[in-house]
Amino acid sequence: MSSTSTTGATPQPAPWKSSFLDHLGKMDSPEFVFSSLHPAPNKDSPTPYLPRARYCIFRGFWAELPENKHNDAPRNERSYESEMPTFTTDVRMQKPFELFSSSSGHADKEEQAKGSGGGGPCEAVWWIKGDTMVQWRVRGEAFVVGPDIEEENESSGVRTVKSEVGSRMRVAKEEEKEKWSWKTELVGHFGNMSPGMRGSFKNPPPGQAVDKPYDEEHLKLGEKVSTLDDAVARENFRVVIIKPEMVESLDLKDPTKARRQQYRYQESTGKWSHVETWP
């Protein structure tokens, strides 16, 4: 692993992690609402950003790629652990740009959000219905991992990702950590998707009017990609990592015993504080 990750307090295991995974295991599909900030369209807007929300699929915690017998991509050893949820997205969608434009770098053009980087504020919410009746809320910053993550000449965005995300990666196997690769993890996420999902990264330009021209030779709806090296799909594929600062679970199963559990990450100690509150 690159040595660009920050030094400081070693992140400790999160006390909420096992319950979170247990609850998500009860869902038919671990869908969640992901909210980010979009630049206001007008300079005279009363607020510089507007909220945007959409459903995404939880793809596991960063550095803990879920097992998939159909994934033939090379895999990292489980050298690291983390409590950073991940999901995948197409770089042509608005999420990457929003995470770049609302970050400390304040990118103002979509071309500036094509590589790794970001760090804009975000919130993710899961609702586990049925017999569980628990809402999980994760608030923090989100970073984008793209195909430039291991290029020889690192961009400022790559350095930001490796520093900020790396600071929350906990060593699980000391003897294997230097072999761990950001690119291998990225490709592993691509391989963990079905051929149909991989093919979605070859869709026509998201959000573009259907009567406008586009690269019809390489971009089509309903494509299936069974390999790991499809140039078009891989160029558009991104993994987004949520670096949580606050995690909250709200148990509504029994109205007479409802409670809210709030956990906050403490940078100075690497530990999570915990407070139980009324719902």
C-alpha atoms as a PDB file:
ATOM      1  CA  MET A   1       0.000   0.000   0.000  1.00  0.00           C
ATOM      2  CA  SER A   2       1.158   3.537  -0.748  1.00  0.00           C
ATOM      3  CA  SER A   3       2.798   5.360   2.141  1.00  0.00           C
ATOM      4  CA  THR A   4       0.691   8.465   1.475  1.00  0.00           C
ATOM      5  CA  SER A   5      -1.870   7.620   4.167  1.00  0.00           C
ATOM      6  CA  THR A   6      -1.765   9.946   7.156  1.00  0.00           C
ATOM      7  CA  THR A   7      -0.253   9.097  10.491  1.00  0.00           C
ATOM      8  CA  GLY A   8      -2.015   9.588  13.801  1.00  0.00           C
ATOM      9  CA  ALA A   9      -4.247   7.634  16.144  1.00  0.00           C
ATOM     10  CA  THR A  10      -4.816   4.092  14.930  1.00  0.00           C
ATOM     11  CA  PRO A  11      -8.509   3.625  14.048  1.00  0.00           C
ATOM     12  CA  GLN A  12     -10.197   1.230  16.447  1.00  0.00           C
ATOM     13  CA  PRO A  13     -12.942  -1.261  15.495  1.00  0.00           C
ATOM     14  CA  ALA A  14     -16.355   0.414  15.406  1.00  0.00           C
ATOM     15  CA  PRO A  15     -18.814  -0.831  18.052  1.00  0.00           C
ATOM     16  CA  TRP A  16     -21.716  -0.420  15.614  1.00  0.00           C
ATOM     17  CA  LYS A  17     -20.283  -2.475  12.748  1.00  0.00           C
ATOM     18  CA  SER A  18     -21.558  -5.943  13.609  1.00  0.00           C
ATOM     19  CA  SER A  19     -25.131  -4.750  14.223  1.00  0.00           C
ATOM     20  CA  PHE A  20     -25.064  -2.730  11.010  1.00  0.00           C
ATOM     21  CA  LEU A  21     -24.005  -5.744   8.938  1.00  0.00           C
ATOM     22  CA  ASP A  22     -26.489  -8.001  10.714  1.00  0.00           C
ATOM     23  CA  HIS A  23     -29.347  -5.648   9.896  1.00  0.00           C
ATOM     24  CA  LEU A  24     -28.283  -5.174   6.268  1.00  0.00           C
ATOM     25  CA  GLY A  25     -28.195  -8.967   5.961  1.00  0.00           C
ATOM     26  CA  LYS A  26     -31.941  -8.970   6.592  1.00  0.00           C
ATOM     27  CA  MET A  27     -32.627  -6.783   3.546  1.00  0.00           C
ATOM     28  CA  ASP A  28     -33.554  -8.281   0.178  1.00  0.00           C
ATOM     29  CA  SER A  29     -31.077  -5.799  -1.307  1.00  0.00           C
ATOM     30  CA  PRO A  30     -28.907  -3.403   0.779  1.00  0.00           C
ATOM     31  CA  GLU A  31     -30.265  -0.270  -0.890  1.00  0.00           C
ATOM     32  CA  PHE A  32     -29.748   3.106   0.732  1.00  0.00           C
ATOM     33  CA  VAL A  33     -30.417   6.758   0.002  1.00  0.00           C
ATOM     34  CA  PHE A  34     -27.231   8.687  -0.731  1.00  0.00           C
ATOM     35  CA  SER A  35     -27.368  12.471  -0.385  1.00  0.00           C
ATOM     36  CA  SER A  36     -24.775  14.943  -1.618  1.00  0.00           C
ATOM     37  CA  LEU A  37     -24.587  18.643  -2.478  1.00  0.00           C
ATOM     38  CA  HIS A  38     -24.984  20.071  -5.987  1.00  0.00           C
ATOM     39  CA  PRO A  39     -23.796  23.584  -6.888  1.00  0.00           C
ATOM     40  CA  ALA A  40     -26.686  26.016  -7.200  1.00  0.00           C
ATOM     41  CA  PRO A  41     -27.377  26.800 -10.882  1.00  0.00           C
ATOM     42  CA  ASN A  42     -27.405  30.582 -10.382  1.00  0.00           C
ATOM     43  CA  LYS A  43     -24.755  32.759  -8.769  1.00  0.00           C
ATOM     44  CA  ASP A  44     -27.463  34.838  -7.087  1.00  0.00           C
ATOM     45  CA  SER A  45     -28.990  31.782  -5.422  1.00  0.00           C
ATOM     46  CA  PRO A  46     -29.631  32.285  -1.664  1.00  0.00           C
ATOM     47  CA  THR A  47     -27.549  29.162  -0.970  1.00  0.00           C
ATOM     48  CA  PRO A  48     -24.463  27.896  -2.840  1.00  0.00           C
ATOM     49  CA  TYR A  49     -25.538  24.235  -2.825  1.00  0.00           C
ATOM     50  CA  LEU A  50     -28.747  22.258  -3.260  1.00  0.00           C
ATOM     51  CA  PRO A  51     -29.397  18.758  -1.854  1.00  0.00           C
ATOM     52  CA  ARG A  52     -29.519  15.741  -4.152  1.00  0.00           C
ATOM     53  CA  ALA A  53     -30.592  12.214  -3.157  1.00  0.00           C
ATOM     54  CA  ARG A  54     -30.778   8.865  -4.937  1.00  0.00           C
ATOM     55  CA  TYR A  55     -30.817   5.144  -4.166  1.00  0.00           C
ATOM     56  CA  CYS A  56     -27.529   3.238  -4.274  1.00  0.00           C
ATOM     57  CA  ILE A  57     -26.389  -0.288  -3.385  1.00  0.00           C
ATOM     58  CA  PHE A  58     -24.014  -0.984  -0.491  1.00  0.00           C
ATOM     59  CA  ARG A  59     -21.003  -2.895  -1.887  1.00  0.00           C
ATOM     60  CA  GLY A  60     -19.268  -3.724   1.377  1.00  0.00           C
ATOM     61  CA  PHE A  61     -16.705  -1.872   3.459  1.00  0.00           C
ATOM     62  CA  TRP A  62     -13.566  -0.581   1.758  1.00  0.00           C
ATOM     63  CA  ALA A  63     -10.729  -3.143   1.829  1.00  0.00           C
ATOM     64  CA  GLU A  64     -13.250  -5.855   2.776  1.00  0.00           C
ATOM     65  CA  LEU A  65     -14.505  -6.855  -0.683  1.00  0.00           C
ATOM     66  CA  PRO A  66     -17.352  -9.371  -0.285  1.00  0.00           C
ATOM     67  CA  GLU A  67     -16.719 -12.910  -1.502  1.00  0.00           C
ATOM     68  CA  ASN A  68     -18.166 -13.731  -4.918  1.00  0.00           C
ATOM     69  CA  LYS A  69     -17.475 -17.070  -6.579  1.00  0.00           C
ATOM     70  CA  HIS A  70     -18.242 -15.536  -9.985  1.00  0.00           C
ATOM     71  CA  ASN A  71     -15.560 -12.843  -9.613  1.00  0.00           C
ATOM     72  CA  ASP A  72     -12.352 -13.897 -11.383  1.00  0.00           C
ATOM     73  CA  ALA A  73     -10.524 -10.623 -10.702  1.00  0.00           C
ATOM     74  CA  PRO A  74      -7.255 -10.759  -8.733  1.00  0.00           C
ATOM     75  CA  ARG A  75      -7.928 -10.154  -5.036  1.00  0.00           C
ATOM     76  CA  ASN A  76      -6.002  -8.394  -2.333  1.00  0.00           C
ATOM     77  CA  GLU A  77      -5.278 -10.357   0.798  1.00  0.00           C
ATOM     78  CA  ARG A  78      -7.451  -9.118   3.669  1.00  0.00           C
ATOM     79  CA  SER A  79      -4.549  -6.976   4.843  1.00  0.00           C
ATOM     80  CA  TYR A  80      -6.736  -4.108   6.010  1.00  0.00           C
ATOM     81  CA  GLU A  81     -10.125  -3.573   7.625  1.00  0.00           C
ATOM     82  CA  SER A  82     -12.337  -0.515   7.753  1.00  0.00           C
ATOM     83  CA  GLU A  83     -15.766   0.859   8.594  1.00  0.00           C
ATOM     84  CA  MET A  84     -16.078   2.846   5.344  1.00  0.00           C
ATOM     85  CA  PRO A  85     -19.124   1.856   3.237  1.00  0.00           C
ATOM     86  CA  THR A  86     -18.677   1.714  -0.536  1.00  0.00           C
ATOM     87  CA  PHE A  87     -20.880   1.882  -3.610  1.00  0.00           C
ATOM     88  CA  THR A  88     -20.210   2.120  -7.334  1.00  0.00           C
ATOM     89  CA  THR A  89     -21.156   4.821  -9.812  1.00  0.00           C
ATOM     90  CA  ASP A  90     -20.621   6.033 -13.359  1.00  0.00           C
ATOM     91  CA  VAL A  91     -18.257   9.013 -13.626  1.00  0.00           C
ATOM     92  CA  ARG A  92     -20.650  10.576 -16.130  1.00  0.00           C
ATOM     93  CA  MET A  93     -23.351  10.887 -13.477  1.00  0.00           C
ATOM     94  CA  GLN A  94     -23.630  13.825 -11.093  1.00  0.00           C
ATOM     95  CA  LYS A  95     -22.403  12.152  -7.911  1.00  0.00           C
ATOM     96  CA  PRO A  96     -18.653  12.388  -8.653  1.00  0.00           C
ATOM     97  CA  PHE A  97     -18.884  16.040  -9.662  1.00  0.00           C
ATOM     98  CA  GLU A  98     -20.900  16.879  -6.556  1.00  0.00           C
ATOM     99  CA  LEU A  99     -18.302  15.232  -4.314  1.00  0.00           C
ATOM    100  CA  PHE A 100     -15.531  17.212  -6.015  1.00  0.00           C
ATOM    101  CA  SER A 101     -17.340  20.569  -6.191  1.00  0.00           C
ATOM    102  CA  SER A 102     -18.430  20.529  -2.529  1.00  0.00           C
ATOM    103  CA  SER A 103     -15.013  19.396  -1.266  1.00  0.00           C
ATOM    104  CA  SER A 104     -12.219  21.666  -0.065  1.00  0.00           C
ATOM    105  CA  GLY A 105     -10.923  21.723  -3.662  1.00  0.00           C
ATOM    106  CA  HIS A 106     -14.183  23.252  -4.958  1.00  0.00           C
ATOM    107  CA  ALA A 107     -13.980  21.930  -8.525  1.00  0.00           C
ATOM    108  CA  ASP A 108     -16.205  24.064 -10.750  1.00  0.00           C
ATOM    109  CA  LYS A 109     -15.996  22.046 -13.975  1.00  0.00           C
ATOM    110  CA  GLU A 110     -17.039  18.452 -14.581  1.00  0.00           C
ATOM    111  CA  GLU A 111     -13.709  17.813 -16.350  1.00  0.00           C
ATOM    112  CA  GLN A 112     -11.995  18.331 -12.991  1.00  0.00           C
ATOM    113  CA  ALA A 113     -13.910  15.384 -11.492  1.00  0.00           C
ATOM    114  CA  LYS A 114     -12.848  12.650 -13.905  1.00  0.00           C
ATOM    115  CA  GLY A 115     -10.160  11.080 -11.733  1.00  0.00           C
ATOM    116  CA  SER A 116      -9.797  10.054  -8.104  1.00  0.00           C
ATOM    117  CA  GLY A 117     -10.478  12.625  -5.404  1.00  0.00           C
ATOM    118  CA  GLY A 118     -13.480  14.431  -3.993  1.00  0.00           C
ATOM    119  CA  GLY A 119     -14.220  14.508  -0.293  1.00  0.00           C
ATOM    120  CA  GLY A 120     -17.498  16.387  -0.299  1.00  0.00           C
ATOM    121  CA  PRO A 121     -19.989  16.024   2.579  1.00  0.00           C
ATOM    122  CA  CYS A 122     -22.602  13.302   2.299  1.00  0.00           C
ATOM    123  CA  GLU A 123     -25.210  11.325   4.180  1.00  0.00           C
ATOM    124  CA  ALA A 124     -26.399   7.737   3.637  1.00  0.00           C
ATOM    125  CA  VAL A 125     -29.604   6.270   5.095  1.00  0.00           C
ATOM    126  CA  TRP A 126     -30.787   2.656   5.259  1.00  0.00           C
ATOM    127  CA  TRP A 127     -34.256   1.590   6.426  1.00  0.00           C
ATOM    128  CA  ILE A 128     -34.544  -2.040   7.522  1.00  0.00           C
ATOM    129  CA  LYS A 129     -38.256  -2.762   7.680  1.00  0.00           C
ATOM    130  CA  GLY A 130     -40.151  -5.935   8.601  1.00  0.00           C
ATOM    131  CA  ASP A 131     -39.369  -7.303  12.058  1.00  0.00           C
ATOM    132  CA  THR A 132     -36.251  -5.143  12.453  1.00  0.00           C
ATOM    133  CA  MET A 133     -37.607  -1.594  12.076  1.00  0.00           C
ATOM    134  CA  VAL A 134     -34.258   0.158  12.381  1.00  0.00           C
ATOM    135  CA  GLN A 135     -32.966   3.171  10.467  1.00  0.00           C
ATOM    136  CA  TRP A 136     -29.222   3.576   9.985  1.00  0.00           C
ATOM    137  CA  ARG A 137     -27.743   6.964   9.123  1.00  0.00           C
ATOM    138  CA  VAL A 138     -24.088   7.511   8.153  1.00  0.00           C
ATOM    139  CA  ARG A 139     -22.769  11.061   7.832  1.00  0.00           C
ATOM    140  CA  GLY A 140     -19.312  12.078   6.655  1.00  0.00           C
ATOM    141  CA  GLU A 141     -17.263  12.704   3.510  1.00  0.00           C
ATOM    142  CA  ALA A 142     -17.151  10.665   0.305  1.00  0.00           C
ATOM    143  CA  PHE A 143     -14.159  10.017  -1.948  1.00  0.00           C
ATOM    144  CA  VAL A 144     -13.997   8.715  -5.516  1.00  0.00           C
ATOM    145  CA  VAL A 145     -11.564   6.026  -6.680  1.00  0.00           C
ATOM    146  CA  GLY A 146     -10.872   5.969 -10.434  1.00  0.00           C
ATOM    147  CA  PRO A 147      -8.451   4.311 -12.872  1.00  0.00           C
ATOM    148  CA  ASP A 148      -5.725   6.870 -12.073  1.00  0.00           C
ATOM    149  CA  ILE A 149      -5.398   5.649  -8.481  1.00  0.00           C
ATOM    150  CA  GLU A 150      -1.992   4.034  -9.059  1.00  0.00           C
ATOM    151  CA  GLU A 151      -0.541   6.130 -11.880  1.00  0.00           C
ATOM    152  CA  GLU A 152       3.136   6.959 -11.479  1.00  0.00           C
ATOM    153  CA  ASN A 153       2.544  10.716 -11.360  1.00  0.00           C
ATOM    154  CA  GLU A 154      -0.030  11.054  -8.600  1.00  0.00           C
ATOM    155  CA  SER A 155      -2.563  13.853  -8.909  1.00  0.00           C
ATOM    156  CA  SER A 156      -3.607  15.901  -5.887  1.00  0.00           C
ATOM    157  CA  GLY A 157      -6.903  14.003  -5.948  1.00  0.00           C
ATOM    158  CA  VAL A 158      -5.153  10.634  -5.720  1.00  0.00           C
ATOM    159  CA  ARG A 159      -3.028  11.887  -2.844  1.00  0.00           C
ATOM    160  CA  THR A 160      -6.155  13.125  -1.069  1.00  0.00           C
ATOM    161  CA  VAL A 161      -7.904   9.767  -1.409  1.00  0.00           C
ATOM    162  CA  LYS A 162      -4.908   7.787  -0.199  1.00  0.00           C
ATOM    163  CA  SER A 163      -4.363  10.139   2.730  1.00  0.00           C
ATOM    164  CA  GLU A 164      -7.959  10.530   3.908  1.00  0.00           C
ATOM    165  CA  VAL A 165      -9.165   6.984   3.230  1.00  0.00           C
ATOM    166  CA  GLY A 166      -5.853   5.447   4.235  1.00  0.00           C
ATOM    167  CA  SER A 167      -6.088   7.090   7.661  1.00  0.00           C
ATOM    168  CA  ARG A 168      -9.125   4.925   8.427  1.00  0.00           C
ATOM    169  CA  MET A 169      -7.734   1.630   7.109  1.00  0.00           C
ATOM    170  CA  ARG A 170      -6.802  -0.612   9.999  1.00  0.00           C
ATOM    171  CA  VAL A 171      -3.988  -3.139   9.496  1.00  0.00           C
ATOM    172  CA  ALA A 172      -5.270  -6.726   9.754  1.00  0.00           C
ATOM    173  CA  LYS A 173      -2.183  -8.574   8.489  1.00  0.00           C
ATOM    174  CA  GLU A 174       1.053  -6.716   9.117  1.00  0.00           C
ATOM    175  CA  GLU A 175       3.094  -9.066   6.942  1.00  0.00           C
ATOM    176  CA  GLU A 176       0.823  -8.535   3.912  1.00  0.00           C
ATOM    177  CA  LYS A 177       0.085  -4.803   4.039  1.00  0.00           C
ATOM    178  CA  GLU A 178       2.811  -3.705   1.601  1.00  0.00           C
ATOM    179  CA  LYS A 179       1.362  -6.003  -1.071  1.00  0.00           C
ATOM    180  CA  TRP A 180      -2.069  -4.402  -0.848  1.00  0.00           C
ATOM    181  CA  SER A 181      -3.061  -2.494  -4.018  1.00  0.00           C
ATOM    182  CA  TRP A 182      -5.618   0.263  -4.546  1.00  0.00           C
ATOM    183  CA  LYS A 183      -5.997  -0.693  -8.205  1.00  0.00           C
ATOM    184  CA  THR A 184      -6.548  -4.360  -7.367  1.00  0.00           C
ATOM    185  CA  GLU A 185      -9.323  -3.362  -4.972  1.00  0.00           C
ATOM    186  CA  LEU A 186     -10.899  -1.142  -7.640  1.00  0.00           C
ATOM    187  CA  VAL A 187     -10.861  -3.907 -10.268  1.00  0.00           C
ATOM    188  CA  GLY A 188     -12.183  -6.347  -7.671  1.00  0.00           C
ATOM    189  CA  HIS A 189     -15.261  -4.170  -7.211  1.00  0.00           C
ATOM    190  CA  PHE A 190     -15.800  -4.143 -10.973  1.00  0.00           C
ATOM    191  CA  GLY A 191     -15.518  -7.935 -11.058  1.00  0.00           C
ATOM    192  CA  ASN A 192     -17.981  -8.317  -8.204  1.00  0.00           C
ATOM    193  CA  MET A 193     -20.793  -6.971 -10.376  1.00  0.00           C
ATOM    194  CA  SER A 194     -22.944  -8.966 -12.768  1.00  0.00           C
ATOM    195  CA  PRO A 195     -22.299  -8.744 -16.541  1.00  0.00           C
ATOM    196  CA  GLY A 196     -25.434  -6.630 -16.852  1.00  0.00           C
ATOM    197  CA  MET A 197     -24.272  -4.160 -14.214  1.00  0.00           C
ATOM    198  CA  ARG A 198     -20.826  -3.952 -15.805  1.00  0.00           C
ATOM    199  CA  GLY A 199     -22.556  -3.304 -19.121  1.00  0.00           C
ATOM    200  CA  SER A 200     -24.465  -0.361 -17.635  1.00  0.00           C
ATOM    201  CA  PHE A 201     -21.213   1.605 -17.714  1.00  0.00           C
ATOM    202  CA  LYS A 202     -21.518   1.494 -21.507  1.00  0.00           C
ATOM    203  CA  ASN A 203     -24.940   3.144 -21.529  1.00  0.00           C
ATOM    204  CA  PRO A 204     -25.510   6.293 -23.592  1.00  0.00           C
ATOM    205  CA  PRO A 205     -24.547   9.487 -21.680  1.00  0.00           C
ATOM    206  CA  PRO A 206     -26.673   9.648 -18.482  1.00  0.00           C
ATOM    207  CA  GLY A 207     -29.032  12.600 -18.444  1.00  0.00           C
ATOM    208  CA  GLN A 208     -28.407  13.601 -22.055  1.00  0.00           C
ATOM    209  CA  ALA A 209     -31.417  14.245 -24.283  1.00  0.00           C
ATOM    210  CA  VAL A 210     -32.060  11.226 -26.513  1.00  0.00           C
ATOM    211  CA  ASP A 211     -32.147  13.335 -29.677  1.00  0.00           C
ATOM    212  CA  LYS A 212     -28.564  14.566 -29.203  1.00  0.00           C
ATOM    213  CA  PRO A 213     -25.669  12.721 -30.903  1.00  0.00           C
ATOM    214  CA  TYR A 214     -23.354  10.402 -28.975  1.00  0.00           C
ATOM    215  CA  ASP A 215     -20.917   7.553 -29.638  1.00  0.00           C
ATOM    216  CA  GLU A 216     -23.456   4.991 -30.843  1.00  0.00           C
ATOM    217  CA  GLU A 217     -20.706   2.551 -31.821  1.00  0.00           C
ATOM    218  CA  HIS A 218     -19.475   2.066 -28.249  1.00  0.00           C
ATOM    219  CA  LEU A 219     -22.429   3.145 -26.093  1.00  0.00           C
ATOM    220  CA  LYS A 220     -25.647   1.098 -26.051  1.00  0.00           C
ATOM    221  CA  LEU A 221     -28.383   0.211 -23.585  1.00  0.00           C
ATOM    222  CA  GLY A 222     -28.617  -3.338 -22.280  1.00  0.00           C
ATOM    223  CA  GLU A 223     -25.000  -4.335 -22.945  1.00  0.00           C
ATOM    224  CA  LYS A 224     -23.418  -7.187 -20.983  1.00  0.00           C
ATOM    225  CA  VAL A 225     -19.716  -7.234 -20.107  1.00  0.00           C
ATOM    226  CA  SER A 226     -18.306 -10.589 -19.027  1.00  0.00           C
ATOM    227  CA  THR A 227     -14.637  -9.555 -18.933  1.00  0.00           C
ATOM    228  CA  LEU A 228     -12.633  -7.295 -16.603  1.00  0.00           C
ATOM    229  CA  ASP A 229     -10.837  -5.269 -19.277  1.00  0.00           C
ATOM    230  CA  ASP A 230     -13.619  -3.654 -21.305  1.00  0.00           C
ATOM    231  CA  ALA A 231     -12.037  -0.256 -22.013  1.00  0.00           C
ATOM    232  CA  VAL A 232     -15.248   1.768 -22.217  1.00  0.00           C
ATOM    233  CA  ALA A 233     -16.885   0.312 -19.105  1.00  0.00           C
ATOM    234  CA  ARG A 234     -13.716   0.556 -17.040  1.00  0.00           C
ATOM    235  CA  GLU A 235     -13.145   4.163 -18.097  1.00  0.00           C
ATOM    236  CA  ASN A 236     -16.560   5.120 -16.699  1.00  0.00           C
ATOM    237  CA  PHE A 237     -16.501   2.900 -13.598  1.00  0.00           C
ATOM    238  CA  ARG A 238     -15.869   4.408 -10.157  1.00  0.00           C
ATOM    239  CA  VAL A 239     -15.961   3.259  -6.539  1.00  0.00           C
ATOM    240  CA  VAL A 240     -17.161   5.769  -3.950  1.00  0.00           C
ATOM    241  CA  ILE A 241     -15.965   5.424  -0.347  1.00  0.00           C
ATOM    242  CA  ILE A 242     -17.872   7.018   2.510  1.00  0.00           C
ATOM    243  CA  LYS A 243     -15.604   8.066   5.370  1.00  0.00           C
ATOM    244  CA  PRO A 244     -18.026   8.307   8.300  1.00  0.00           C
ATOM    245  CA  GLU A 245     -17.796  10.894  11.048  1.00  0.00           C
ATOM    246  CA  MET A 246     -21.165  10.089  12.639  1.00  0.00           C
ATOM    247  CA  VAL A 247     -23.197   6.880  12.607  1.00  0.00           C
ATOM    248  CA  GLU A 248     -26.665   6.612  14.062  1.00  0.00           C
ATOM    249  CA  SER A 249     -29.156   3.776  14.498  1.00  0.00           C
ATOM    250  CA  LEU A 250     -32.798   4.423  15.371  1.00  0.00           C
ATOM    251  CA  ASP A 251     -34.730   1.429  16.726  1.00  0.00           C
ATOM    252  CA  LEU A 252     -38.491   1.803  16.216  1.00  0.00           C
ATOM    253  CA  LYS A 253     -39.550  -1.823  16.688  1.00  0.00           C
ATOM    254  CA  ASP A 254     -41.205  -1.205  20.052  1.00  0.00           C
ATOM    255  CA  PRO A 255     -42.641   2.338  20.476  1.00  0.00           C
ATOM    256  CA  THR A 256     -42.395   2.025  24.265  1.00  0.00           C
ATOM    257  CA  LYS A 257     -38.649   1.274  24.137  1.00  0.00           C
ATOM    258  CA  ALA A 258     -37.516   3.268  21.099  1.00  0.00           C
ATOM    259  CA  ARG A 259     -33.961   4.580  21.330  1.00  0.00           C
ATOM    260  CA  ARG A 260     -31.414   6.320  19.131  1.00  0.00           C
ATOM    261  CA  GLN A 261     -27.750   5.241  19.292  1.00  0.00           C
ATOM    262  CA  GLN A 262     -25.243   7.872  18.171  1.00  0.00           C
ATOM    263  CA  TYR A 263     -21.583   7.132  17.455  1.00  0.00           C
ATOM    264  CA  ARG A 264     -18.981   9.756  16.590  1.00  0.00           C
ATOM    265  CA  TYR A 265     -15.436   9.126  15.426  1.00  0.00           C
ATOM    266  CA  GLN A 266     -12.751  10.803  17.537  1.00  0.00           C
ATOM    267  CA  GLU A 267      -9.701  11.655  15.411  1.00  0.00           C
ATOM    268  CA  SER A 268      -7.505  12.242  18.452  1.00  0.00           C
ATOM    269  CA  THR A 269      -7.982   8.719  19.842  1.00  0.00           C
ATOM    270  CA  GLY A 270      -9.166   6.665  16.867  1.00  0.00           C
ATOM    271  CA  LYS A 271     -12.148   5.540  18.943  1.00  0.00           C
ATOM    272  CA  TRP A 272     -15.916   5.952  18.587  1.00  0.00           C
ATOM    273  CA  SER A 273     -17.861   7.775  21.277  1.00  0.00           C
ATOM    274  CA  HIS A 274     -21.375   6.548  22.037  1.00  0.00           C
ATOM    275  CA  VAL A 275     -24.484   8.283  23.339  1.00  0.00           C
ATOM    276  CA  GLU A 276     -27.969   6.786  23.708  1.00  0.00           C
ATOM    277  CA  THR A 277     -30.770   9.304  23.161  1.00  0.00           C
ATOM    278  CA  TRP A 278     -34.508   9.461  22.903  1.00  0.00           C
ATOM    279  CA  PRO A 279     -35.788   8.808  19.363  1.00  0.00           C
END
